Amino acid sequence: MNYNYPYIKHETFIIGKGMNKSLFQETILDKLPGTRFDVRSHDCQPFDTTDIMNGMVLVVSGKMSNGDLEKQSFSQTLILQKKPEKLNELCIQEDCFRYV
């Protein structure tokens, strides 16, 4: 399975216990059940109202389920920042996810 996260900075990918990315993907990511999201609300506020590409805060809430498990409510806050190498693109700088 090919994982491509175009909006996440590559260096934010967390690897643990000495695993490299391909080993992590093979031993963990490929074995995870599918995740389904039901987004109920979202809000987006720019840091700078004169130029939205300077970054923004995005808040998303809804319900999600992993595999056949019951849906759980969640809230996720994302800080989006301008990519230095591509001025017309944003990437995820910070991500705070929690079950509520």
N, C-alpha and C. Protein backbone atom coordinates (compact mmCIF):
# COMPACT_ATOMS: atom_id res chain seq x y z
N MET A 1 0.84 -1.18 0.00
CA MET A 1 0.00 0.00 0.00
C MET A 1 0.89 1.24 0.00
N ASN A 2 0.58 2.19 -0.83
CA ASN A 2 1.38 3.40 -0.93
C ASN A 2 0.72 4.51 -0.13
N TYR A 3 1.42 5.05 0.85
CA TYR A 3 0.90 6.14 1.67
C TYR A 3 1.48 7.45 1.17
N ASN A 4 0.61 8.35 0.79
CA ASN A 4 1.04 9.65 0.30
C ASN A 4 0.25 10.71 1.05
N TYR A 5 0.91 11.46 1.90
CA TYR A 5 0.28 12.51 2.68
C TYR A 5 0.81 13.85 2.19
N PRO A 6 0.20 14.42 1.12
CA PRO A 6 0.77 15.62 0.51
C PRO A 6 0.70 16.86 1.40
N TYR A 7 -0.15 16.87 2.40
CA TYR A 7 -0.30 18.07 3.22
C TYR A 7 0.46 17.98 4.54
N ILE A 8 1.19 16.92 4.74
CA ILE A 8 1.97 16.76 5.97
C ILE A 8 3.44 16.84 5.62
N LYS A 9 4.18 17.64 6.40
CA LYS A 9 5.62 17.72 6.17
C LYS A 9 6.23 16.34 6.40
N HIS A 10 7.10 15.92 5.49
CA HIS A 10 7.71 14.59 5.58
C HIS A 10 8.40 14.39 6.92
N GLU A 11 9.09 15.41 7.44
CA GLU A 11 9.84 15.23 8.68
C GLU A 11 8.96 15.08 9.91
N THR A 12 7.61 15.27 9.77
CA THR A 12 6.74 15.09 10.92
C THR A 12 6.33 13.63 11.10
N PHE A 13 6.70 12.76 10.16
CA PHE A 13 6.36 11.35 10.26
C PHE A 13 7.13 10.75 11.43
N ILE A 14 6.42 10.21 12.41
CA ILE A 14 7.06 9.71 13.63
C ILE A 14 7.45 8.24 13.45
N ILE A 15 8.68 7.93 13.74
CA ILE A 15 9.17 6.56 13.69
C ILE A 15 9.68 6.21 15.08
N GLY A 16 9.33 5.02 15.53
CA GLY A 16 9.75 4.65 16.88
C GLY A 16 10.54 3.36 16.91
N LYS A 17 11.25 3.16 17.99
CA LYS A 17 12.00 1.93 18.27
C LYS A 17 12.97 1.56 17.16
N GLY A 18 13.61 2.56 16.56
CA GLY A 18 14.64 2.30 15.57
C GLY A 18 14.15 1.86 14.20
N MET A 19 12.83 1.91 13.97
CA MET A 19 12.30 1.49 12.67
C MET A 19 12.49 2.60 11.65
N ASN A 20 12.82 2.20 10.43
CA ASN A 20 12.79 3.18 9.35
C ASN A 20 11.37 3.23 8.80
N LYS A 21 11.10 4.17 7.90
CA LYS A 21 9.74 4.37 7.41
C LYS A 21 9.18 3.13 6.72
N SER A 22 9.96 2.46 5.87
CA SER A 22 9.43 1.30 5.16
C SER A 22 9.13 0.14 6.11
N LEU A 23 9.97 -0.07 7.11
CA LEU A 23 9.72 -1.12 8.09
C LEU A 23 8.50 -0.78 8.94
N PHE A 24 8.36 0.48 9.33
CA PHE A 24 7.20 0.94 10.10
C PHE A 24 5.93 0.71 9.30
N GLN A 25 5.95 1.06 8.03
CA GLN A 25 4.78 0.88 7.17
C GLN A 25 4.43 -0.59 7.04
N GLU A 26 5.44 -1.42 6.82
CA GLU A 26 5.23 -2.85 6.62
C GLU A 26 4.70 -3.53 7.88
N THR A 27 5.24 -3.18 9.06
CA THR A 27 4.87 -3.88 10.28
C THR A 27 3.67 -3.29 11.00
N ILE A 28 3.36 -2.01 10.76
CA ILE A 28 2.26 -1.38 11.51
C ILE A 28 1.18 -0.81 10.59
N LEU A 29 1.53 0.14 9.73
CA LEU A 29 0.52 0.83 8.93
C LEU A 29 -0.29 -0.11 8.04
N ASP A 30 0.35 -1.05 7.39
CA ASP A 30 -0.36 -1.95 6.47
C ASP A 30 -1.31 -2.89 7.20
N LYS A 31 -1.18 -3.05 8.51
CA LYS A 31 -2.03 -3.96 9.26
C LYS A 31 -3.17 -3.25 9.99
N LEU A 32 -3.20 -1.93 9.91
CA LEU A 32 -4.26 -1.18 10.57
C LEU A 32 -5.58 -1.35 9.82
N PRO A 33 -6.71 -1.42 10.58
CA PRO A 33 -8.01 -1.51 9.91
C PRO A 33 -8.35 -0.17 9.25
N GLY A 34 -9.26 -0.19 8.32
CA GLY A 34 -9.70 1.05 7.68
C GLY A 34 -10.37 1.99 8.68
N THR A 35 -10.20 3.27 8.48
CA THR A 35 -10.80 4.28 9.35
C THR A 35 -11.82 5.07 8.55
N ARG A 36 -12.99 5.29 9.16
CA ARG A 36 -14.04 6.07 8.51
C ARG A 36 -14.33 7.31 9.35
N PHE A 37 -14.46 8.45 8.67
CA PHE A 37 -14.74 9.71 9.33
C PHE A 37 -16.09 10.25 8.87
N ASP A 38 -16.87 10.74 9.82
CA ASP A 38 -18.13 11.42 9.55
C ASP A 38 -17.97 12.83 10.12
N VAL A 39 -17.56 13.79 9.29
CA VAL A 39 -17.30 15.15 9.76
C VAL A 39 -18.63 15.85 9.97
N ARG A 40 -18.85 16.36 11.19
CA ARG A 40 -20.09 17.06 11.53
C ARG A 40 -19.95 18.57 11.44
N SER A 41 -18.76 19.08 11.74
CA SER A 41 -18.56 20.53 11.66
C SER A 41 -17.08 20.83 11.44
N HIS A 42 -16.83 22.00 10.89
CA HIS A 42 -15.45 22.47 10.72
C HIS A 42 -15.46 24.00 10.73
N ASP A 43 -14.34 24.57 11.13
CA ASP A 43 -14.19 26.02 11.16
C ASP A 43 -12.74 26.32 10.80
N CYS A 44 -12.54 27.40 10.10
CA CYS A 44 -11.20 27.76 9.64
C CYS A 44 -11.01 29.26 9.84
N GLN A 45 -9.90 29.64 10.48
CA GLN A 45 -9.59 31.04 10.73
C GLN A 45 -8.16 31.32 10.28
N PRO A 46 -7.95 32.33 9.43
CA PRO A 46 -6.59 32.67 9.01
C PRO A 46 -5.84 33.40 10.11
N PHE A 47 -4.51 33.25 10.12
CA PHE A 47 -3.67 34.01 11.05
C PHE A 47 -3.68 35.48 10.67
N ASP A 48 -3.66 35.74 9.38
CA ASP A 48 -3.56 37.09 8.84
C ASP A 48 -4.71 37.28 7.86
N THR A 49 -5.67 38.14 8.20
CA THR A 49 -6.85 38.29 7.35
C THR A 49 -6.54 38.92 5.99
N THR A 50 -5.36 39.52 5.84
CA THR A 50 -5.00 40.12 4.55
C THR A 50 -4.38 39.11 3.60
N ASP A 51 -3.88 37.99 4.12
CA ASP A 51 -3.25 36.97 3.27
C ASP A 51 -3.46 35.59 3.90
N ILE A 52 -4.44 34.86 3.39
CA ILE A 52 -4.77 33.54 3.95
C ILE A 52 -3.61 32.57 3.86
N MET A 53 -2.69 32.77 2.91
CA MET A 53 -1.56 31.86 2.75
C MET A 53 -0.49 32.02 3.82
N ASN A 54 -0.67 32.96 4.75
CA ASN A 54 0.27 33.07 5.87
C ASN A 54 0.01 32.01 6.93
N GLY A 55 -1.06 31.27 6.79
CA GLY A 55 -1.36 30.18 7.71
C GLY A 55 -2.76 30.31 8.27
N MET A 56 -3.24 29.20 8.84
CA MET A 56 -4.58 29.21 9.41
C MET A 56 -4.73 28.09 10.43
N VAL A 57 -5.79 28.24 11.24
CA VAL A 57 -6.19 27.22 12.20
C VAL A 57 -7.45 26.57 11.65
N LEU A 58 -7.46 25.25 11.63
CA LEU A 58 -8.61 24.49 11.15
C LEU A 58 -9.06 23.57 12.28
N VAL A 59 -10.35 23.66 12.64
CA VAL A 59 -10.92 22.81 13.70
C VAL A 59 -11.99 21.94 13.06
N VAL A 60 -11.90 20.62 13.28
CA VAL A 60 -12.83 19.66 12.70
C VAL A 60 -13.38 18.80 13.83
N SER A 61 -14.68 18.50 13.79
CA SER A 61 -15.25 17.58 14.77
C SER A 61 -16.24 16.67 14.07
N GLY A 62 -16.46 15.51 14.67
CA GLY A 62 -17.37 14.54 14.10
C GLY A 62 -17.25 13.20 14.80
N LYS A 63 -17.50 12.14 14.05
CA LYS A 63 -17.39 10.79 14.58
C LYS A 63 -16.51 9.97 13.65
N MET A 64 -15.79 9.03 14.23
CA MET A 64 -14.93 8.16 13.44
C MET A 64 -15.00 6.74 13.98
N SER A 65 -14.70 5.78 13.12
CA SER A 65 -14.64 4.39 13.55
C SER A 65 -13.44 3.72 12.91
N ASN A 66 -12.87 2.79 13.63
CA ASN A 66 -11.74 1.98 13.14
C ASN A 66 -12.24 0.57 12.92
N GLY A 67 -12.17 0.11 11.69
CA GLY A 67 -12.63 -1.23 11.40
C GLY A 67 -14.10 -1.37 11.70
N ASP A 68 -14.46 -2.39 12.49
CA ASP A 68 -15.85 -2.64 12.84
C ASP A 68 -16.23 -2.07 14.20
N LEU A 69 -15.37 -1.26 14.80
CA LEU A 69 -15.65 -0.71 16.12
C LEU A 69 -16.73 0.37 16.05
N GLU A 70 -17.39 0.61 17.18
CA GLU A 70 -18.42 1.64 17.27
C GLU A 70 -17.82 3.03 17.03
N LYS A 71 -18.61 3.91 16.43
CA LYS A 71 -18.13 5.27 16.17
C LYS A 71 -17.89 6.02 17.47
N GLN A 72 -16.82 6.82 17.48
CA GLN A 72 -16.48 7.66 18.63
C GLN A 72 -16.39 9.11 18.16
N SER A 73 -16.82 10.03 19.05
CA SER A 73 -16.72 11.45 18.74
C SER A 73 -15.27 11.89 18.83
N PHE A 74 -14.88 12.82 17.95
CA PHE A 74 -13.52 13.33 17.96
C PHE A 74 -13.52 14.82 17.69
N SER A 75 -12.41 15.44 18.05
CA SER A 75 -12.14 16.84 17.72
C SER A 75 -10.68 16.90 17.28
N GLN A 76 -10.43 17.65 16.22
CA GLN A 76 -9.07 17.76 15.70
C GLN A 76 -8.80 19.21 15.34
N THR A 77 -7.66 19.72 15.82
CA THR A 77 -7.24 21.08 15.51
C THR A 77 -5.94 20.99 14.73
N LEU A 78 -5.90 21.66 13.60
CA LEU A 78 -4.73 21.65 12.72
C LEU A 78 -4.22 23.07 12.55
N ILE A 79 -2.91 23.23 12.63
CA ILE A 79 -2.26 24.50 12.31
C ILE A 79 -1.63 24.33 10.94
N LEU A 80 -2.09 25.09 9.97
CA LEU A 80 -1.57 25.01 8.61
C LEU A 80 -0.63 26.17 8.37
N GLN A 81 0.54 25.89 7.80
CA GLN A 81 1.55 26.91 7.52
C GLN A 81 1.94 26.85 6.05
N LYS A 82 2.42 27.94 5.55
CA LYS A 82 2.89 28.03 4.17
C LYS A 82 4.13 27.14 4.01
N LYS A 83 4.19 26.41 2.91
CA LYS A 83 5.39 25.63 2.59
C LYS A 83 6.44 26.59 2.07
N PRO A 84 7.63 26.60 2.66
CA PRO A 84 8.67 27.54 2.21
C PRO A 84 9.04 27.38 0.74
N GLU A 85 9.06 26.14 0.26
CA GLU A 85 9.49 25.91 -1.12
C GLU A 85 8.36 26.10 -2.14
N LYS A 86 7.10 26.10 -1.68
CA LYS A 86 5.95 26.28 -2.58
C LYS A 86 5.00 27.28 -1.93
N LEU A 87 5.08 28.51 -2.33
CA LEU A 87 4.36 29.59 -1.67
C LEU A 87 2.84 29.50 -1.80
N ASN A 88 2.33 28.73 -2.73
CA ASN A 88 0.88 28.62 -2.89
C ASN A 88 0.31 27.36 -2.27
N GLU A 89 1.07 26.70 -1.41
CA GLU A 89 0.61 25.48 -0.76
C GLU A 89 0.77 25.60 0.75
N LEU A 90 -0.14 24.94 1.46
CA LEU A 90 -0.06 24.87 2.92
C LEU A 90 0.24 23.44 3.33
N CYS A 91 0.87 23.28 4.49
CA CYS A 91 1.11 21.95 5.04
C CYS A 91 0.74 21.97 6.51
N ILE A 92 0.57 20.81 7.09
CA ILE A 92 0.21 20.70 8.51
C ILE A 92 1.47 20.92 9.34
N GLN A 93 1.46 21.98 10.13
CA GLN A 93 2.57 22.29 11.03
C GLN A 93 2.37 21.59 12.37
N GLU A 94 1.15 21.64 12.90
CA GLU A 94 0.80 21.00 14.17
C GLU A 94 -0.55 20.33 14.02
N ASP A 95 -0.76 19.25 14.77
CA ASP A 95 -2.00 18.49 14.70
C ASP A 95 -2.34 17.99 16.09
N CYS A 96 -3.50 18.37 16.59
CA CYS A 96 -3.94 17.91 17.92
C CYS A 96 -5.25 17.16 17.74
N PHE A 97 -5.24 15.85 17.97
CA PHE A 97 -6.42 15.00 17.81
C PHE A 97 -6.81 14.46 19.17
N ARG A 98 -8.11 14.46 19.45
CA ARG A 98 -8.56 13.85 20.71
C ARG A 98 -9.96 13.29 20.56
N TYR A 99 -10.20 12.20 21.30
CA TYR A 99 -11.55 11.67 21.40
C TYR A 99 -12.29 12.49 22.45
N VAL A 100 -13.57 12.76 22.20
CA VAL A 100 -14.37 13.54 23.16
C VAL A 100 -15.60 12.77 23.56
